[in-house]
Amino acid sequence: MTRIDAKFASLKAAGKKAFVTYIMAGDPDEATTLAVMQGLPGAGVDVIELGLPFTDPMADGPTIQLAGQRALEGGMTLDKTLALVRAFRTGDNTTPIVLMGYYNPIYSRGVDLFLTQAKAAGIDGLIIVDLPPEEDDELCIPAQKAGLNFIRLATPTTDDKRLPKVLQNTSGFVYYVSITGITGAAAARPEDVAPEVARIKRSTDLPVIVGFGINTPESAQSIAAIADGCVVGSAIVKQIGEGKSAAEVLAFVKSLADGAHKG
């Protein structure tokens, strides 16, 4: 059982919804990322998604694209991202960390070496947005054999014919993208999301977590109420990009977490 599996089991037993956050590794620098990461669990975050900066982030909107550019310009690398996770693990061995990004840096490192290093650093799962189910042998299957969850995205365009393929090797949780388009582009609407979450849950026992378009405590509460939890990324990354201190960012995160946990 991974830390992700254990977290969702404990949330389910307590009748609680999950609050998941995304931040970009190295934005604007390593020290800020680590300070925010270390404060996230205390602010109510159940799972941390850590973005691996990449030059061509096709699924991301301007906010996260700019965060990735800032991180890369500051010298952020895969090795430094793993070092951040190791540093976090010295003080927290229970909060799940999901590395979210694109396949190129992993392919360049070599899958086997990457998985060994990621597992040793304390990463629990992967969301690699540009690897479809047809490529499961590339990374998904090896990751699961290495003890990492491989978390898949389902979207409004994932129809009933496609859904079983998306779910077949997914583990940890299913990430439902609430809108068509890029991160930070539009607001998630509960009335649109609810039937889609119900449809996915008819096909899997995994928790369904909703992301994209959630940026206020109210939207976190309304979306968490109809799913197993919610993800907030761009709204938090925007605060970091505006130069807010770690304490200010974490106060904002806590307001969102409080909303999600009322869901």
C-alpha atoms as a PDB file:
ATOM      1  CA  MET A   1       0.000   0.000   0.000  1.00  0.00           C
ATOM      2  CA  THR A   2       1.443   3.374  -1.025  1.00  0.00           C
ATOM      3  CA  ARG A   3       1.133   6.551   1.028  1.00  0.00           C
ATOM      4  CA  ILE A   4      -1.562   7.603  -1.462  1.00  0.00           C
ATOM      5  CA  ASP A   5      -3.575   4.429  -0.870  1.00  0.00           C
ATOM      6  CA  ALA A   6      -3.186   4.813   2.894  1.00  0.00           C
ATOM      7  CA  LYS A   7      -4.259   8.472   2.821  1.00  0.00           C
ATOM      8  CA  PHE A   8      -7.424   7.798   0.861  1.00  0.00           C
ATOM      9  CA  ALA A   9      -8.274   4.808   3.047  1.00  0.00           C
ATOM     10  CA  SER A  10      -8.003   6.954   6.176  1.00  0.00           C
ATOM     11  CA  LEU A  11     -10.031   9.794   4.623  1.00  0.00           C
ATOM     12  CA  LYS A  12     -12.745   7.361   3.586  1.00  0.00           C
ATOM     13  CA  ALA A  13     -12.846   5.812   7.055  1.00  0.00           C
ATOM     14  CA  ALA A  14     -13.265   9.300   8.538  1.00  0.00           C
ATOM     15  CA  GLY A  15     -15.902  10.312   5.978  1.00  0.00           C
ATOM     16  CA  LYS A  16     -13.717  13.167   4.721  1.00  0.00           C
ATOM     17  CA  LYS A  17     -12.960  14.589   1.301  1.00  0.00           C
ATOM     18  CA  ALA A  18      -9.396  14.974   0.017  1.00  0.00           C
ATOM     19  CA  PHE A  19      -7.755  18.309  -0.632  1.00  0.00           C
ATOM     20  CA  VAL A  20      -4.907  18.099  -3.142  1.00  0.00           C
ATOM     21  CA  THR A  21      -2.619  20.976  -4.132  1.00  0.00           C
ATOM     22  CA  TYR A  22      -0.215  21.548  -7.004  1.00  0.00           C
ATOM     23  CA  ILE A  23       2.930  23.669  -6.879  1.00  0.00           C
ATOM     24  CA  MET A  24       5.812  23.946  -9.322  1.00  0.00           C
ATOM     25  CA  ALA A  25       9.201  22.699  -8.109  1.00  0.00           C
ATOM     26  CA  GLY A  26      11.717  25.548  -8.017  1.00  0.00           C
ATOM     27  CA  ASP A  27       9.247  28.415  -8.475  1.00  0.00           C
ATOM     28  CA  PRO A  28      10.607  30.992  -7.860  1.00  0.00           C
ATOM     29  CA  ASP A  29      13.457  29.127  -6.116  1.00  0.00           C
ATOM     30  CA  GLU A  30      14.154  25.922  -4.224  1.00  0.00           C
ATOM     31  CA  ALA A  31      13.959  27.500  -0.770  1.00  0.00           C
ATOM     32  CA  THR A  32      10.473  28.927  -1.399  1.00  0.00           C
ATOM     33  CA  THR A  33       9.217  25.625  -2.802  1.00  0.00           C
ATOM     34  CA  LEU A  34      10.487  23.717   0.207  1.00  0.00           C
ATOM     35  CA  ALA A  35       9.034  26.246   2.680  1.00  0.00           C
ATOM     36  CA  VAL A  36       5.618  26.044   1.012  1.00  0.00           C
ATOM     37  CA  MET A  37       5.788  22.234   0.744  1.00  0.00           C
ATOM     38  CA  GLN A  38       6.670  21.870   4.408  1.00  0.00           C
ATOM     39  CA  GLY A  39       3.701  24.043   5.370  1.00  0.00           C
ATOM     40  CA  LEU A  40       1.092  22.401   3.146  1.00  0.00           C
ATOM     41  CA  PRO A  41       0.144  19.477   5.442  1.00  0.00           C
ATOM     42  CA  GLY A  42      -0.368  21.861   8.367  1.00  0.00           C
ATOM     43  CA  ALA A  43      -2.571  24.019   6.127  1.00  0.00           C
ATOM     44  CA  GLY A  44      -4.863  21.035   5.532  1.00  0.00           C
ATOM     45  CA  VAL A  45      -3.398  19.504   2.377  1.00  0.00           C
ATOM     46  CA  ASP A  46      -3.866  15.747   2.066  1.00  0.00           C
ATOM     47  CA  VAL A  47      -1.816  15.096  -1.099  1.00  0.00           C
ATOM     48  CA  ILE A  48       0.888  17.251  -2.688  1.00  0.00           C
ATOM     49  CA  GLU A  49       1.324  17.348  -6.462  1.00  0.00           C
ATOM     50  CA  LEU A  50       4.795  18.637  -7.298  1.00  0.00           C
ATOM     51  CA  GLY A  51       5.268  19.931 -10.815  1.00  0.00           C
ATOM     52  CA  LEU A  52       8.424  18.957 -12.680  1.00  0.00           C
ATOM     53  CA  PRO A  53       9.302  21.987 -14.823  1.00  0.00           C
ATOM     54  CA  PHE A  54       9.431  21.343 -18.563  1.00  0.00           C
ATOM     55  CA  THR A  55      10.030  23.556 -21.586  1.00  0.00           C
ATOM     56  CA  ASP A  56       6.852  22.589 -23.472  1.00  0.00           C
ATOM     57  CA  PRO A  57       3.990  22.074 -20.999  1.00  0.00           C
ATOM     58  CA  MET A  58       1.136  21.556 -23.457  1.00  0.00           C
ATOM     59  CA  ALA A  59      -1.655  20.956 -20.921  1.00  0.00           C
ATOM     60  CA  ASP A  60      -0.889  24.030 -18.846  1.00  0.00           C
ATOM     61  CA  GLY A  61      -2.218  27.554 -19.030  1.00  0.00           C
ATOM     62  CA  PRO A  62      -0.161  30.741 -18.738  1.00  0.00           C
ATOM     63  CA  THR A  63       0.061  30.698 -14.920  1.00  0.00           C
ATOM     64  CA  ILE A  64       1.712  27.291 -14.691  1.00  0.00           C
ATOM     65  CA  GLN A  65       3.696  27.794 -17.913  1.00  0.00           C
ATOM     66  CA  LEU A  66       5.250  30.929 -16.425  1.00  0.00           C
ATOM     67  CA  ALA A  67       5.973  29.096 -13.167  1.00  0.00           C
ATOM     68  CA  GLY A  68       7.820  26.425 -15.110  1.00  0.00           C
ATOM     69  CA  GLN A  69       9.795  29.050 -17.007  1.00  0.00           C
ATOM     70  CA  ARG A  70      10.763  30.801 -13.772  1.00  0.00           C
ATOM     71  CA  ALA A  71      11.871  27.480 -12.290  1.00  0.00           C
ATOM     72  CA  LEU A  72      13.931  26.528 -15.338  1.00  0.00           C
ATOM     73  CA  GLU A  73      15.524  29.978 -15.524  1.00  0.00           C
ATOM     74  CA  GLY A  74      16.445  29.572 -11.864  1.00  0.00           C
ATOM     75  CA  GLY A  75      18.291  26.361 -12.695  1.00  0.00           C
ATOM     76  CA  MET A  76      15.694  23.811 -11.581  1.00  0.00           C
ATOM     77  CA  THR A  77      16.355  20.257 -12.741  1.00  0.00           C
ATOM     78  CA  LEU A  78      15.003  16.760 -12.179  1.00  0.00           C
ATOM     79  CA  ASP A  79      17.819  16.074  -9.716  1.00  0.00           C
ATOM     80  CA  LYS A  80      17.036  19.229  -7.740  1.00  0.00           C
ATOM     81  CA  THR A  81      13.327  18.329  -7.746  1.00  0.00           C
ATOM     82  CA  LEU A  82      14.136  14.933  -6.235  1.00  0.00           C
ATOM     83  CA  ALA A  83      16.405  16.668  -3.703  1.00  0.00           C
ATOM     84  CA  LEU A  84      13.436  18.826  -2.648  1.00  0.00           C
ATOM     85  CA  VAL A  85      11.383  15.685  -2.041  1.00  0.00           C
ATOM     86  CA  ARG A  86      14.197  14.150   0.013  1.00  0.00           C
ATOM     87  CA  ALA A  87      14.453  17.336   2.085  1.00  0.00           C
ATOM     88  CA  PHE A  88      10.685  17.317   2.675  1.00  0.00           C
ATOM     89  CA  ARG A  89      10.803  13.665   3.720  1.00  0.00           C
ATOM     90  CA  THR A  90      13.261  14.413   6.542  1.00  0.00           C
ATOM     91  CA  GLY A  91      10.381  16.035   8.402  1.00  0.00           C
ATOM     92  CA  ASP A  92       7.311  14.319   6.935  1.00  0.00           C
ATOM     93  CA  ASN A  93       7.177  10.656   6.051  1.00  0.00           C
ATOM     94  CA  THR A  94       3.401  10.354   5.657  1.00  0.00           C
ATOM     95  CA  THR A  95       2.059  13.046   3.284  1.00  0.00           C
ATOM     96  CA  PRO A  96       1.790  11.594  -0.247  1.00  0.00           C
ATOM     97  CA  ILE A  97       3.733  13.317  -3.025  1.00  0.00           C
ATOM     98  CA  VAL A  98       2.748  12.945  -6.675  1.00  0.00           C
ATOM     99  CA  LEU A  99       5.221  14.099  -9.310  1.00  0.00           C
ATOM    100  CA  MET A 100       3.297  15.717 -12.146  1.00  0.00           C
ATOM    101  CA  GLY A 101       4.745  16.574 -15.506  1.00  0.00           C
ATOM    102  CA  TYR A 102       5.740  15.338 -18.927  1.00  0.00           C
ATOM    103  CA  TYR A 103       7.575  12.270 -20.164  1.00  0.00           C
ATOM    104  CA  ASN A 104      10.609  13.846 -21.838  1.00  0.00           C
ATOM    105  CA  PRO A 105      12.737  14.467 -18.698  1.00  0.00           C
ATOM    106  CA  ILE A 106      11.979  10.934 -17.471  1.00  0.00           C
ATOM    107  CA  TYR A 107      12.778   9.382 -20.855  1.00  0.00           C
ATOM    108  CA  SER A 108      16.036  11.355 -20.971  1.00  0.00           C
ATOM    109  CA  ARG A 109      17.015  10.059 -17.534  1.00  0.00           C
ATOM    110  CA  GLY A 110      16.048   6.482 -18.380  1.00  0.00           C
ATOM    111  CA  VAL A 111      12.891   4.931 -16.948  1.00  0.00           C
ATOM    112  CA  ASP A 112      14.533   2.368 -14.667  1.00  0.00           C
ATOM    113  CA  LEU A 113      17.003   4.841 -13.176  1.00  0.00           C
ATOM    114  CA  PHE A 114      14.303   7.483 -12.761  1.00  0.00           C
ATOM    115  CA  LEU A 115      11.945   5.087 -10.962  1.00  0.00           C
ATOM    116  CA  THR A 116      14.706   3.937  -8.613  1.00  0.00           C
ATOM    117  CA  GLN A 117      15.626   7.546  -7.794  1.00  0.00           C
ATOM    118  CA  ALA A 118      12.001   8.703  -7.447  1.00  0.00           C
ATOM    119  CA  LYS A 119      11.093   5.865  -5.109  1.00  0.00           C
ATOM    120  CA  ALA A 120      14.221   6.431  -3.006  1.00  0.00           C
ATOM    121  CA  ALA A 121      13.494  10.168  -2.766  1.00  0.00           C
ATOM    122  CA  GLY A 122      10.004   9.527  -1.402  1.00  0.00           C
ATOM    123  CA  ILE A 123       7.725  10.071  -4.381  1.00  0.00           C
ATOM    124  CA  ASP A 124       4.528   8.021  -4.223  1.00  0.00           C
ATOM    125  CA  GLY A 125       2.858   8.517  -7.585  1.00  0.00           C
ATOM    126  CA  LEU A 126       3.160   9.948 -11.076  1.00  0.00           C
ATOM    127  CA  ILE A 127       0.868  11.989 -13.308  1.00  0.00           C
ATOM    128  CA  ILE A 128       2.471  12.151 -16.746  1.00  0.00           C
ATOM    129  CA  VAL A 129      -0.006  13.978 -18.916  1.00  0.00           C
ATOM    130  CA  ASP A 130       1.450  13.203 -22.346  1.00  0.00           C
ATOM    131  CA  LEU A 131       1.587   9.399 -22.019  1.00  0.00           C
ATOM    132  CA  PRO A 132      -1.693   7.823 -23.203  1.00  0.00           C
ATOM    133  CA  PRO A 133      -2.828   4.346 -22.089  1.00  0.00           C
ATOM    134  CA  GLU A 134      -1.531   2.919 -25.363  1.00  0.00           C
ATOM    135  CA  GLU A 135       1.980   3.629 -24.037  1.00  0.00           C
ATOM    136  CA  ASP A 136       1.507   1.900 -20.661  1.00  0.00           C
ATOM    137  CA  ASP A 137       4.536  -0.324 -21.210  1.00  0.00           C
ATOM    138  CA  GLU A 138       6.754   2.786 -21.378  1.00  0.00           C
ATOM    139  CA  LEU A 139       6.286   3.978 -17.805  1.00  0.00           C
ATOM    140  CA  CYS A 140       2.927   3.064 -16.253  1.00  0.00           C
ATOM    141  CA  ILE A 141       3.553  -0.674 -15.839  1.00  0.00           C
ATOM    142  CA  PRO A 142       7.193  -0.270 -14.706  1.00  0.00           C
ATOM    143  CA  ALA A 143       6.119   2.456 -12.229  1.00  0.00           C
ATOM    144  CA  GLN A 144       3.493   0.232 -10.653  1.00  0.00           C
ATOM    145  CA  LYS A 145       6.020  -2.627 -10.400  1.00  0.00           C
ATOM    146  CA  ALA A 146       8.359  -0.195  -8.612  1.00  0.00           C
ATOM    147  CA  GLY A 147       5.643   0.596  -6.066  1.00  0.00           C
ATOM    148  CA  LEU A 148       4.505   3.954  -7.446  1.00  0.00           C
ATOM    149  CA  ASN A 149       0.903   4.780  -8.279  1.00  0.00           C
ATOM    150  CA  PHE A 150       0.288   5.839 -11.870  1.00  0.00           C
ATOM    151  CA  ILE A 151      -2.572   8.312 -11.893  1.00  0.00           C
ATOM    152  CA  ARG A 152      -4.494   8.941 -15.067  1.00  0.00           C
ATOM    153  CA  LEU A 153      -6.497  11.935 -16.225  1.00  0.00           C
ATOM    154  CA  ALA A 154     -10.084  11.587 -17.414  1.00  0.00           C
ATOM    155  CA  THR A 155     -11.688  14.548 -19.164  1.00  0.00           C
ATOM    156  CA  PRO A 156     -15.113  15.685 -20.396  1.00  0.00           C
ATOM    157  CA  THR A 157     -14.205  14.132 -23.766  1.00  0.00           C
ATOM    158  CA  THR A 158     -13.382  10.698 -22.273  1.00  0.00           C
ATOM    159  CA  ASP A 159     -16.473   8.878 -23.514  1.00  0.00           C
ATOM    160  CA  ASP A 160     -17.797   5.500 -22.399  1.00  0.00           C
ATOM    161  CA  LYS A 161     -15.809   3.722 -25.102  1.00  0.00           C
ATOM    162  CA  ARG A 162     -12.531   5.345 -24.024  1.00  0.00           C
ATOM    163  CA  LEU A 163     -13.026   5.283 -20.243  1.00  0.00           C
ATOM    164  CA  PRO A 164     -12.167   1.579 -19.644  1.00  0.00           C
ATOM    165  CA  LYS A 165      -8.862   2.082 -21.476  1.00  0.00           C
ATOM    166  CA  VAL A 166      -8.051   5.114 -19.314  1.00  0.00           C
ATOM    167  CA  LEU A 167      -8.890   3.221 -16.115  1.00  0.00           C
ATOM    168  CA  GLN A 168      -7.276  -0.128 -16.899  1.00  0.00           C
ATOM    169  CA  ASN A 169      -3.854   0.443 -15.275  1.00  0.00           C
ATOM    170  CA  THR A 170      -4.649   3.506 -13.179  1.00  0.00           C
ATOM    171  CA  SER A 171      -4.017   3.376  -9.437  1.00  0.00           C
ATOM    172  CA  GLY A 172      -4.074   5.736  -6.451  1.00  0.00           C
ATOM    173  CA  PHE A 173      -6.891   7.918  -7.708  1.00  0.00           C
ATOM    174  CA  VAL A 174      -8.482   9.142 -10.925  1.00  0.00           C
ATOM    175  CA  TYR A 175      -7.908  12.811 -11.720  1.00  0.00           C
ATOM    176  CA  TYR A 176     -11.002  14.195 -13.453  1.00  0.00           C
ATOM    177  CA  VAL A 177     -10.287  17.342 -15.457  1.00  0.00           C
ATOM    178  CA  SER A 178     -13.419  19.424 -14.979  1.00  0.00           C
ATOM    179  CA  ILE A 179     -13.139  21.527 -18.133  1.00  0.00           C
ATOM    180  CA  THR A 180     -11.974  21.118 -21.701  1.00  0.00           C
ATOM    181  CA  GLY A 181      -8.803  23.126 -22.228  1.00  0.00           C
ATOM    182  CA  ILE A 182      -5.767  24.155 -20.248  1.00  0.00           C
ATOM    183  CA  THR A 183      -5.161  24.709 -16.542  1.00  0.00           C
ATOM    184  CA  GLY A 184      -6.495  27.930 -15.058  1.00  0.00           C
ATOM    185  CA  ALA A 185      -8.686  28.684 -18.070  1.00  0.00           C
ATOM    186  CA  ALA A 186     -12.242  28.524 -16.725  1.00  0.00           C
ATOM    187  CA  ALA A 187     -14.303  27.819 -13.633  1.00  0.00           C
ATOM    188  CA  ALA A 188     -15.447  24.298 -12.766  1.00  0.00           C
ATOM    189  CA  ARG A 189     -19.238  23.999 -12.647  1.00  0.00           C
ATOM    190  CA  PRO A 190     -20.665  21.473 -10.174  1.00  0.00           C
ATOM    191  CA  GLU A 191     -23.720  20.834 -12.332  1.00  0.00           C
ATOM    192  CA  ASP A 192     -21.448  19.752 -15.207  1.00  0.00           C
ATOM    193  CA  VAL A 193     -18.994  17.815 -13.066  1.00  0.00           C
ATOM    194  CA  ALA A 194     -21.424  15.787 -10.933  1.00  0.00           C
ATOM    195  CA  PRO A 195     -22.786  13.466 -13.651  1.00  0.00           C
ATOM    196  CA  GLU A 196     -19.279  12.884 -15.014  1.00  0.00           C
ATOM    197  CA  VAL A 197     -17.917  11.917 -11.594  1.00  0.00           C
ATOM    198  CA  ALA A 198     -20.863   9.559 -11.123  1.00  0.00           C
ATOM    199  CA  ARG A 199     -20.179   8.009 -14.535  1.00  0.00           C
ATOM    200  CA  ILE A 200     -16.518   7.380 -13.703  1.00  0.00           C
ATOM    201  CA  LYS A 201     -17.369   5.961 -10.274  1.00  0.00           C
ATOM    202  CA  ARG A 202     -19.641   3.403 -11.903  1.00  0.00           C
ATOM    203  CA  SER A 203     -16.524   2.004 -13.608  1.00  0.00           C
ATOM    204  CA  THR A 204     -13.940   2.112 -10.806  1.00  0.00           C
ATOM    205  CA  ASP A 205     -13.531   1.790  -7.049  1.00  0.00           C
ATOM    206  CA  LEU A 206     -10.729   4.353  -7.070  1.00  0.00           C
ATOM    207  CA  PRO A 207     -11.311   7.797  -5.547  1.00  0.00           C
ATOM    208  CA  VAL A 208     -12.226  10.444  -8.140  1.00  0.00           C
ATOM    209  CA  ILE A 209     -10.560  13.796  -7.532  1.00  0.00           C
ATOM    210  CA  VAL A 210     -11.566  16.850  -9.577  1.00  0.00           C
ATOM    211  CA  GLY A 211      -9.129  19.497 -10.762  1.00  0.00           C
ATOM    212  CA  PHE A 212      -8.897  22.515 -13.097  1.00  0.00           C
ATOM    213  CA  GLY A 213     -11.014  25.627 -12.537  1.00  0.00           C
ATOM    214  CA  ILE A 214     -11.154  25.595  -8.713  1.00  0.00           C
ATOM    215  CA  ASN A 215      -9.833  28.786  -7.150  1.00  0.00           C
ATOM    216  CA  THR A 216     -11.941  29.796  -4.143  1.00  0.00           C
ATOM    217  CA  PRO A 217     -12.983  28.135  -0.866  1.00  0.00           C
ATOM    218  CA  GLU A 218     -16.565  28.097  -2.188  1.00  0.00           C
ATOM    219  CA  SER A 219     -15.658  26.318  -5.416  1.00  0.00           C
ATOM    220  CA  ALA A 220     -13.450  23.873  -3.479  1.00  0.00           C
ATOM    221  CA  GLN A 221     -16.403  23.054  -1.234  1.00  0.00           C
ATOM    222  CA  SER A 222     -18.926  22.680  -4.054  1.00  0.00           C
ATOM    223  CA  ILE A 223     -16.668  20.431  -6.145  1.00  0.00           C
ATOM    224  CA  ALA A 224     -15.429  18.320  -3.214  1.00  0.00           C
ATOM    225  CA  ALA A 225     -19.053  17.742  -2.241  1.00  0.00           C
ATOM    226  CA  ILE A 226     -19.750  15.873  -5.501  1.00  0.00           C
ATOM    227  CA  ALA A 227     -16.452  13.966  -5.736  1.00  0.00           C
ATOM    228  CA  ASP A 228     -13.939  12.353  -3.400  1.00  0.00           C
ATOM    229  CA  GLY A 229     -12.008  15.587  -3.245  1.00  0.00           C
ATOM    230  CA  CYS A 230     -10.557  18.397  -5.323  1.00  0.00           C
ATOM    231  CA  VAL A 231      -7.256  19.751  -6.636  1.00  0.00           C
ATOM    232  CA  VAL A 232      -6.169  23.393  -6.687  1.00  0.00           C
ATOM    233  CA  GLY A 233      -3.113  24.379  -8.697  1.00  0.00           C
ATOM    234  CA  SER A 234      -3.147  27.555 -10.762  1.00  0.00           C
ATOM    235  CA  ALA A 235      -4.702  29.700  -8.010  1.00  0.00           C
ATOM    236  CA  ILE A 236      -1.874  28.748  -5.623  1.00  0.00           C
ATOM    237  CA  VAL A 237       0.837  29.065  -8.271  1.00  0.00           C
ATOM    238  CA  LYS A 238      -0.535  32.528  -9.097  1.00  0.00           C
ATOM    239  CA  GLN A 239       0.001  33.632  -5.487  1.00  0.00           C
ATOM    240  CA  ILE A 240       3.577  32.378  -5.595  1.00  0.00           C
ATOM    241  CA  GLY A 241       4.112  34.145  -8.923  1.00  0.00           C
ATOM    242  CA  GLU A 242       2.889  37.398  -7.385  1.00  0.00           C
ATOM    243  CA  GLY A 243       5.717  37.170  -4.870  1.00  0.00           C
ATOM    244  CA  LYS A 244       3.605  36.334  -1.832  1.00  0.00           C
ATOM    245  CA  SER A 245       5.514  34.953   1.142  1.00  0.00           C
ATOM    246  CA  ALA A 246       5.252  31.292   2.077  1.00  0.00           C
ATOM    247  CA  ALA A 247       3.114  32.298   5.065  1.00  0.00           C
ATOM    248  CA  GLU A 248       0.696  34.247   2.837  1.00  0.00           C
ATOM    249  CA  VAL A 249       0.492  31.393   0.335  1.00  0.00           C
ATOM    250  CA  LEU A 250      -0.188  28.897   3.106  1.00  0.00           C
ATOM    251  CA  ALA A 251      -2.929  31.090   4.602  1.00  0.00           C
ATOM    252  CA  PHE A 252      -4.640  31.075   1.198  1.00  0.00           C
ATOM    253  CA  VAL A 253      -4.176  27.301   0.943  1.00  0.00           C
ATOM    254  CA  LYS A 254      -5.738  26.838   4.368  1.00  0.00           C
ATOM    255  CA  SER A 255      -8.842  28.773   3.289  1.00  0.00           C
ATOM    256  CA  LEU A 256      -9.193  26.461   0.297  1.00  0.00           C
ATOM    257  CA  ALA A 257      -8.581  23.353   2.403  1.00  0.00           C
ATOM    258  CA  ASP A 258     -11.228  24.440   4.901  1.00  0.00           C
ATOM    259  CA  GLY A 259     -13.666  24.796   2.020  1.00  0.00           C
ATOM    260  CA  ALA A 260     -12.812  21.412   0.511  1.00  0.00           C
ATOM    261  CA  HIS A 261     -13.115  19.638   3.853  1.00  0.00           C
ATOM    262  CA  LYS A 262     -16.639  21.005   4.276  1.00  0.00           C
ATOM    263  CA  GLY A 263     -17.551  19.330   0.985  1.00  0.00           C
END
